[in-house]
Every structure is written in structure tokens, then in C-alpha cells.
Amino acid sequence: MVVRFAAAWFGATFITTPELGIGARALVSAIAGAFYGTFMGIWLGRTRRGYSGPARRPDFDRAVRSGTVPAEVKIDEWRRALQHHRAQHRPLRWSVPALYSPMTALAIWLAVTSQPLFWFGAAFFVAVFVLTAVTTPRVLHNTSAMLAALDRRESARHGGE
């Protein structure tokens, strides 16, 4: 992650700050990559530690997208995985607008005052904002529906015994 981000940063500086020399460009890219990689590595590691068994499998993502629980699942494991998934997505309702609105405004301001290249940044931030604003409510709805389905299965299982 560090190397990829540093390489992308290095390449972007040829367009954004062409006056930098190769040495300064490499140093700034290494520092930016190290900070990004360190903080994102810690965040992703912490997030992934919370995943239980089902959330690590590709069929979990498909199930959440469709909103249906597969027939043969371990109810307790899936409940923990779905609760964790829902807890991760709940803050996106407020954090995405809080992050991407100022970033979009900054990109637009930079595009107007300095380089038109920043219009790409503004378009990116708007796209991510819209994508997240559309998918987050659906994920939260599907996760709640799946948890309710697991509750019904558990009730039927205990009622049938």
C-alpha cells in the first residue's frame, strides 16, 4: 500500500508540481506514501480483525448485496458478521458528507484558482459521495433484513425443538 500510493503520488507530482526536482519529488512521495500506508494499514488491520469467518468469504458480500441469507449458515456466526458489517456502515451516513463535501469544495476552489486538473479531483469526490450515498442505505437495509431473517430462523429452530 505504501509503495503504490508513493508511486501514484510521485507520478501525480509531474502534473501538479512540475517545478519540483526528482530528489524533492521522491522525498515528498516517500513521506506521503509512508503516512498513508501507516494510517491506512492500521485502520484496515483493525477493521479486518473484527471480521468473523463468514465476512471473509465472497458469498457474504453477495448475500449482503442481495439481502438474502443463504440456506445453510451458522446463525450465530452470521449474526456477528452482519452486526459488525452494519456497525461499519452506519457512520458512513454522516462521515461521507462531512468528508467529501469539503474535499469537493477544495478541489473546485483549486481548479478555479490554480490548475484545471483539479476538476478531475472534484469529479472523483462527487462520484464517491454519490456512490456511497446510494449504497450505504441499501447495505444498512439489507443487513437489517438479514438479521431479522436470522432471528426468524433461530425462533423457528427453537420452536421446532
C-alpha atoms as a PDB file:
ATOM      1  CA  MET A   1       0.000   0.000   0.000  1.00  0.00           C
ATOM      2  CA  VAL A   2       2.850   2.374   0.868  1.00  0.00           C
ATOM      3  CA  VAL A   3       4.700   1.735  -2.382  1.00  0.00           C
ATOM      4  CA  ARG A   4       1.592   2.021  -4.583  1.00  0.00           C
ATOM      5  CA  PHE A   5       0.482   5.277  -3.001  1.00  0.00           C
ATOM      6  CA  ALA A   6       4.002   6.738  -3.111  1.00  0.00           C
ATOM      7  CA  ALA A   7       4.336   5.774  -6.784  1.00  0.00           C
ATOM      8  CA  ALA A   8       0.966   7.322  -7.625  1.00  0.00           C
ATOM      9  CA  TRP A   9       1.894  10.451  -5.679  1.00  0.00           C
ATOM     10  CA  PHE A  10       5.232  10.602  -7.479  1.00  0.00           C
ATOM     11  CA  GLY A  11       3.528  10.374 -10.862  1.00  0.00           C
ATOM     12  CA  ALA A  12       0.905  12.959  -9.948  1.00  0.00           C
ATOM     13  CA  THR A  13       3.544  15.487  -8.911  1.00  0.00           C
ATOM     14  CA  PHE A  14       4.801  15.676 -12.504  1.00  0.00           C
ATOM     15  CA  ILE A  15       1.452  17.277 -13.343  1.00  0.00           C
ATOM     16  CA  THR A  16       0.630  19.134 -10.134  1.00  0.00           C
ATOM     17  CA  THR A  17       4.074  20.478  -9.232  1.00  0.00           C
ATOM     18  CA  PRO A  18       6.331  20.265 -12.278  1.00  0.00           C
ATOM     19  CA  GLU A  19       8.842  22.660 -10.690  1.00  0.00           C
ATOM     20  CA  LEU A  20       9.994  20.026  -8.171  1.00  0.00           C
ATOM     21  CA  GLY A  21      13.252  18.253  -8.849  1.00  0.00           C
ATOM     22  CA  ILE A  22      13.454  14.463  -8.893  1.00  0.00           C
ATOM     23  CA  GLY A  23      15.041  14.275  -5.425  1.00  0.00           C
ATOM     24  CA  ALA A  24      12.437  16.506  -3.776  1.00  0.00           C
ATOM     25  CA  ARG A  25       9.650  14.726  -5.661  1.00  0.00           C
ATOM     26  CA  ALA A  26      10.925  11.323  -4.461  1.00  0.00           C
ATOM     27  CA  LEU A  27      11.283  12.532  -0.871  1.00  0.00           C
ATOM     28  CA  VAL A  28       7.794  14.054  -0.751  1.00  0.00           C
ATOM     29  CA  SER A  29       6.342  10.921  -2.353  1.00  0.00           C
ATOM     30  CA  ALA A  30       8.093   8.637   0.134  1.00  0.00           C
ATOM     31  CA  ILE A  31       6.813  10.694   3.075  1.00  0.00           C
ATOM     32  CA  ALA A  32       3.256  10.836   1.713  1.00  0.00           C
ATOM     33  CA  GLY A  33       3.300   7.101   0.985  1.00  0.00           C
ATOM     34  CA  ALA A  34       4.651   6.286   4.447  1.00  0.00           C
ATOM     35  CA  PHE A  35       1.960   8.335   6.195  1.00  0.00           C
ATOM     36  CA  TYR A  36      -0.817   6.989   4.014  1.00  0.00           C
ATOM     37  CA  GLY A  37       0.374   3.392   4.284  1.00  0.00           C
ATOM     38  CA  THR A  38       0.861   3.572   8.030  1.00  0.00           C
ATOM     39  CA  PHE A  39      -2.522   5.064   8.838  1.00  0.00           C
ATOM     40  CA  MET A  40      -4.485   3.050   6.280  1.00  0.00           C
ATOM     41  CA  GLY A  41      -2.650  -0.131   7.293  1.00  0.00           C
ATOM     42  CA  ILE A  42      -3.586   0.396  10.939  1.00  0.00           C
ATOM     43  CA  TRP A  43      -7.180   1.232  10.042  1.00  0.00           C
ATOM     44  CA  LEU A  44      -7.612  -1.715   7.647  1.00  0.00           C
ATOM     45  CA  GLY A  45      -5.925  -4.116  10.057  1.00  0.00           C
ATOM     46  CA  ARG A  46      -8.229  -3.020  12.860  1.00  0.00           C
ATOM     47  CA  THR A  47     -11.250  -3.332  10.595  1.00  0.00           C
ATOM     48  CA  ARG A  48     -10.316  -6.786   9.320  1.00  0.00           C
ATOM     49  CA  ARG A  49      -9.645  -8.097  12.813  1.00  0.00           C
ATOM     50  CA  GLY A  50     -13.314  -7.518  13.571  1.00  0.00           C
ATOM     51  CA  TYR A  51     -14.418  -9.723  10.682  1.00  0.00           C
ATOM     52  CA  SER A  52     -15.636 -13.118  11.675  1.00  0.00           C
ATOM     53  CA  GLY A  53     -15.438 -16.204   9.479  1.00  0.00           C
ATOM     54  CA  PRO A  54     -18.445 -15.551   7.198  1.00  0.00           C
ATOM     55  CA  ALA A  55     -17.469 -11.951   6.412  1.00  0.00           C
ATOM     56  CA  ARG A  56     -14.158 -13.110   4.980  1.00  0.00           C
ATOM     57  CA  ARG A  57     -15.825 -15.160   2.248  1.00  0.00           C
ATOM     58  CA  PRO A  58     -17.026 -13.792  -1.125  1.00  0.00           C
ATOM     59  CA  ASP A  59     -20.506 -15.256  -0.658  1.00  0.00           C
ATOM     60  CA  PHE A  60     -21.031 -12.899   2.288  1.00  0.00           C
ATOM     61  CA  ASP A  61     -20.720  -9.829   0.054  1.00  0.00           C
ATOM     62  CA  ARG A  62     -23.082 -11.360  -2.493  1.00  0.00           C
ATOM     63  CA  ALA A  63     -25.579 -12.138   0.254  1.00  0.00           C
ATOM     64  CA  VAL A  64     -25.452  -8.571   1.612  1.00  0.00           C
ATOM     65  CA  ARG A  65     -25.913  -7.133  -1.881  1.00  0.00           C
ATOM     66  CA  SER A  66     -28.953  -9.323  -2.462  1.00  0.00           C
ATOM     67  CA  GLY A  67     -30.267  -9.025   1.090  1.00  0.00           C
ATOM     68  CA  THR A  68     -30.818 -12.770   1.487  1.00  0.00           C
ATOM     69  CA  VAL A  69     -29.231 -15.189   3.899  1.00  0.00           C
ATOM     70  CA  PRO A  70     -28.032 -18.443   2.307  1.00  0.00           C
ATOM     71  CA  ALA A  71     -29.905 -21.583   3.361  1.00  0.00           C
ATOM     72  CA  GLU A  72     -27.206 -23.365   5.346  1.00  0.00           C
ATOM     73  CA  VAL A  73     -25.420 -20.897   7.618  1.00  0.00           C
ATOM     74  CA  LYS A  74     -24.285 -20.844  11.227  1.00  0.00           C
ATOM     75  CA  ILE A  75     -26.730 -18.355  12.682  1.00  0.00           C
ATOM     76  CA  ASP A  76     -24.506 -17.034  15.478  1.00  0.00           C
ATOM     77  CA  GLU A  77     -21.502 -16.502  13.180  1.00  0.00           C
ATOM     78  CA  TRP A  78     -23.572 -14.754  10.531  1.00  0.00           C
ATOM     79  CA  ARG A  79     -25.285 -12.587  13.141  1.00  0.00           C
ATOM     80  CA  ARG A  80     -21.910 -11.388  14.462  1.00  0.00           C
ATOM     81  CA  ALA A  81     -20.642 -10.761  10.935  1.00  0.00           C
ATOM     82  CA  LEU A  82     -23.781  -8.838   9.937  1.00  0.00           C
ATOM     83  CA  GLN A  83     -23.767  -6.775  13.124  1.00  0.00           C
ATOM     84  CA  HIS A  84     -20.136  -5.866  12.522  1.00  0.00           C
ATOM     85  CA  HIS A  85     -20.863  -5.039   8.880  1.00  0.00           C
ATOM     86  CA  ARG A  86     -23.782  -2.818   9.901  1.00  0.00           C
ATOM     87  CA  ALA A  87     -21.675  -1.082  12.568  1.00  0.00           C
ATOM     88  CA  GLN A  88     -19.048  -0.283   9.934  1.00  0.00           C
ATOM     89  CA  HIS A  89     -21.572   1.231   7.522  1.00  0.00           C
ATOM     90  CA  ARG A  90     -23.675   3.258   9.973  1.00  0.00           C
ATOM     91  CA  PRO A  91     -21.120   6.067  10.404  1.00  0.00           C
ATOM     92  CA  LEU A  92     -20.919   6.493   6.621  1.00  0.00           C
ATOM     93  CA  ARG A  93     -24.302   8.251   6.716  1.00  0.00           C
ATOM     94  CA  TRP A  94     -22.695  11.291   8.362  1.00  0.00           C
ATOM     95  CA  SER A  95     -18.957  10.850   7.729  1.00  0.00           C
ATOM     96  CA  VAL A  96     -19.178  10.725   3.936  1.00  0.00           C
ATOM     97  CA  PRO A  97     -20.921  14.115   3.599  1.00  0.00           C
ATOM     98  CA  ALA A  98     -18.636  15.538   6.289  1.00  0.00           C
ATOM     99  CA  LEU A  99     -15.541  14.402   4.381  1.00  0.00           C
ATOM    100  CA  TYR A 100     -16.429  14.649   0.704  1.00  0.00           C
ATOM    101  CA  SER A 101     -18.315  17.961   0.746  1.00  0.00           C
ATOM    102  CA  PRO A 102     -15.280  19.983   1.932  1.00  0.00           C
ATOM    103  CA  MET A 103     -12.957  17.947  -0.301  1.00  0.00           C
ATOM    104  CA  THR A 104     -15.162  18.681  -3.311  1.00  0.00           C
ATOM    105  CA  ALA A 105     -15.280  22.362  -2.400  1.00  0.00           C
ATOM    106  CA  LEU A 106     -11.488  22.449  -2.034  1.00  0.00           C
ATOM    107  CA  ALA A 107     -10.986  20.700  -5.386  1.00  0.00           C
ATOM    108  CA  ILE A 108     -13.343  23.156  -7.095  1.00  0.00           C
ATOM    109  CA  TRP A 109     -11.598  26.115  -5.480  1.00  0.00           C
ATOM    110  CA  LEU A 110      -8.192  24.765  -6.576  1.00  0.00           C
ATOM    111  CA  ALA A 111      -9.496  24.144 -10.102  1.00  0.00           C
ATOM    112  CA  VAL A 112     -10.803  27.699 -10.366  1.00  0.00           C
ATOM    113  CA  THR A 113      -7.823  29.437  -8.748  1.00  0.00           C
ATOM    114  CA  SER A 114      -4.842  27.371  -9.859  1.00  0.00           C
ATOM    115  CA  GLN A 115      -4.994  24.386 -12.209  1.00  0.00           C
ATOM    116  CA  PRO A 116      -7.938  22.955 -14.129  1.00  0.00           C
ATOM    117  CA  LEU A 117      -6.533  19.497 -13.370  1.00  0.00           C
ATOM    118  CA  PHE A 118      -8.308  19.676 -10.016  1.00  0.00           C
ATOM    119  CA  TRP A 119     -11.659  19.309 -11.809  1.00  0.00           C
ATOM    120  CA  PHE A 120     -10.791  15.606 -12.009  1.00  0.00           C
ATOM    121  CA  GLY A 121     -10.446  15.588  -8.227  1.00  0.00           C
ATOM    122  CA  ALA A 122     -13.800  17.335  -7.833  1.00  0.00           C
ATOM    123  CA  ALA A 123     -15.444  14.808 -10.156  1.00  0.00           C
ATOM    124  CA  PHE A 124     -13.862  11.949  -8.210  1.00  0.00           C
ATOM    125  CA  PHE A 125     -15.115  13.270  -4.855  1.00  0.00           C
ATOM    126  CA  VAL A 126     -18.622  13.804  -6.229  1.00  0.00           C
ATOM    127  CA  ALA A 127     -18.647  10.288  -7.707  1.00  0.00           C
ATOM    128  CA  VAL A 128     -17.513   8.683  -4.451  1.00  0.00           C
ATOM    129  CA  PHE A 129     -20.035  10.745  -2.493  1.00  0.00           C
ATOM    130  CA  VAL A 130     -22.923   9.734  -4.771  1.00  0.00           C
ATOM    131  CA  LEU A 131     -21.861   6.082  -4.869  1.00  0.00           C
ATOM    132  CA  THR A 132     -21.620   5.903  -1.091  1.00  0.00           C
ATOM    133  CA  ALA A 133     -24.846   7.864  -0.581  1.00  0.00           C
ATOM    134  CA  VAL A 134     -26.671   5.344  -2.781  1.00  0.00           C
ATOM    135  CA  THR A 135     -25.097   2.125  -1.498  1.00  0.00           C
ATOM    136  CA  THR A 136     -24.971   2.835   2.255  1.00  0.00           C
ATOM    137  CA  PRO A 137     -28.750   2.958   2.865  1.00  0.00           C
ATOM    138  CA  ARG A 138     -29.177  -0.191   0.769  1.00  0.00           C
ATOM    139  CA  VAL A 139     -26.469  -2.041   2.709  1.00  0.00           C
ATOM    140  CA  LEU A 140     -27.986  -0.951   6.029  1.00  0.00           C
ATOM    141  CA  HIS A 141     -31.469  -2.001   4.900  1.00  0.00           C
ATOM    142  CA  ASN A 142     -30.255  -5.377   3.602  1.00  0.00           C
ATOM    143  CA  THR A 143     -28.221  -6.015   6.734  1.00  0.00           C
ATOM    144  CA  SER A 144     -31.218  -5.298   8.976  1.00  0.00           C
ATOM    145  CA  ALA A 145     -33.432  -7.546   6.838  1.00  0.00           C
ATOM    146  CA  MET A 146     -30.856 -10.328   7.023  1.00  0.00           C
ATOM    147  CA  LEU A 147     -30.591 -10.004  10.799  1.00  0.00           C
ATOM    148  CA  ALA A 148     -34.385 -10.251  11.024  1.00  0.00           C
ATOM    149  CA  ALA A 149     -34.288 -13.374   8.827  1.00  0.00           C
ATOM    150  CA  LEU A 150     -31.682 -14.915  11.124  1.00  0.00           C
ATOM    151  CA  ASP A 151     -33.893 -14.114  14.127  1.00  0.00           C
ATOM    152  CA  ARG A 152     -36.840 -15.847  12.436  1.00  0.00           C
ATOM    153  CA  ARG A 153     -34.686 -18.899  11.645  1.00  0.00           C
ATOM    154  CA  GLU A 154     -33.493 -19.067  15.214  1.00  0.00           C
ATOM    155  CA  SER A 155     -37.053 -18.742  16.549  1.00  0.00           C
ATOM    156  CA  ALA A 156     -38.233 -21.486  14.193  1.00  0.00           C
ATOM    157  CA  ARG A 157     -35.332 -23.692  15.233  1.00  0.00           C
ATOM    158  CA  HIS A 158     -36.030 -23.248  18.945  1.00  0.00           C
ATOM    159  CA  GLY A 159     -39.779 -23.505  18.408  1.00  0.00           C
ATOM    160  CA  GLY A 160     -39.390 -26.734  16.477  1.00  0.00           C
ATOM    161  CA  GLU A 161     -37.278 -28.472  19.120  1.00  0.00           C
END
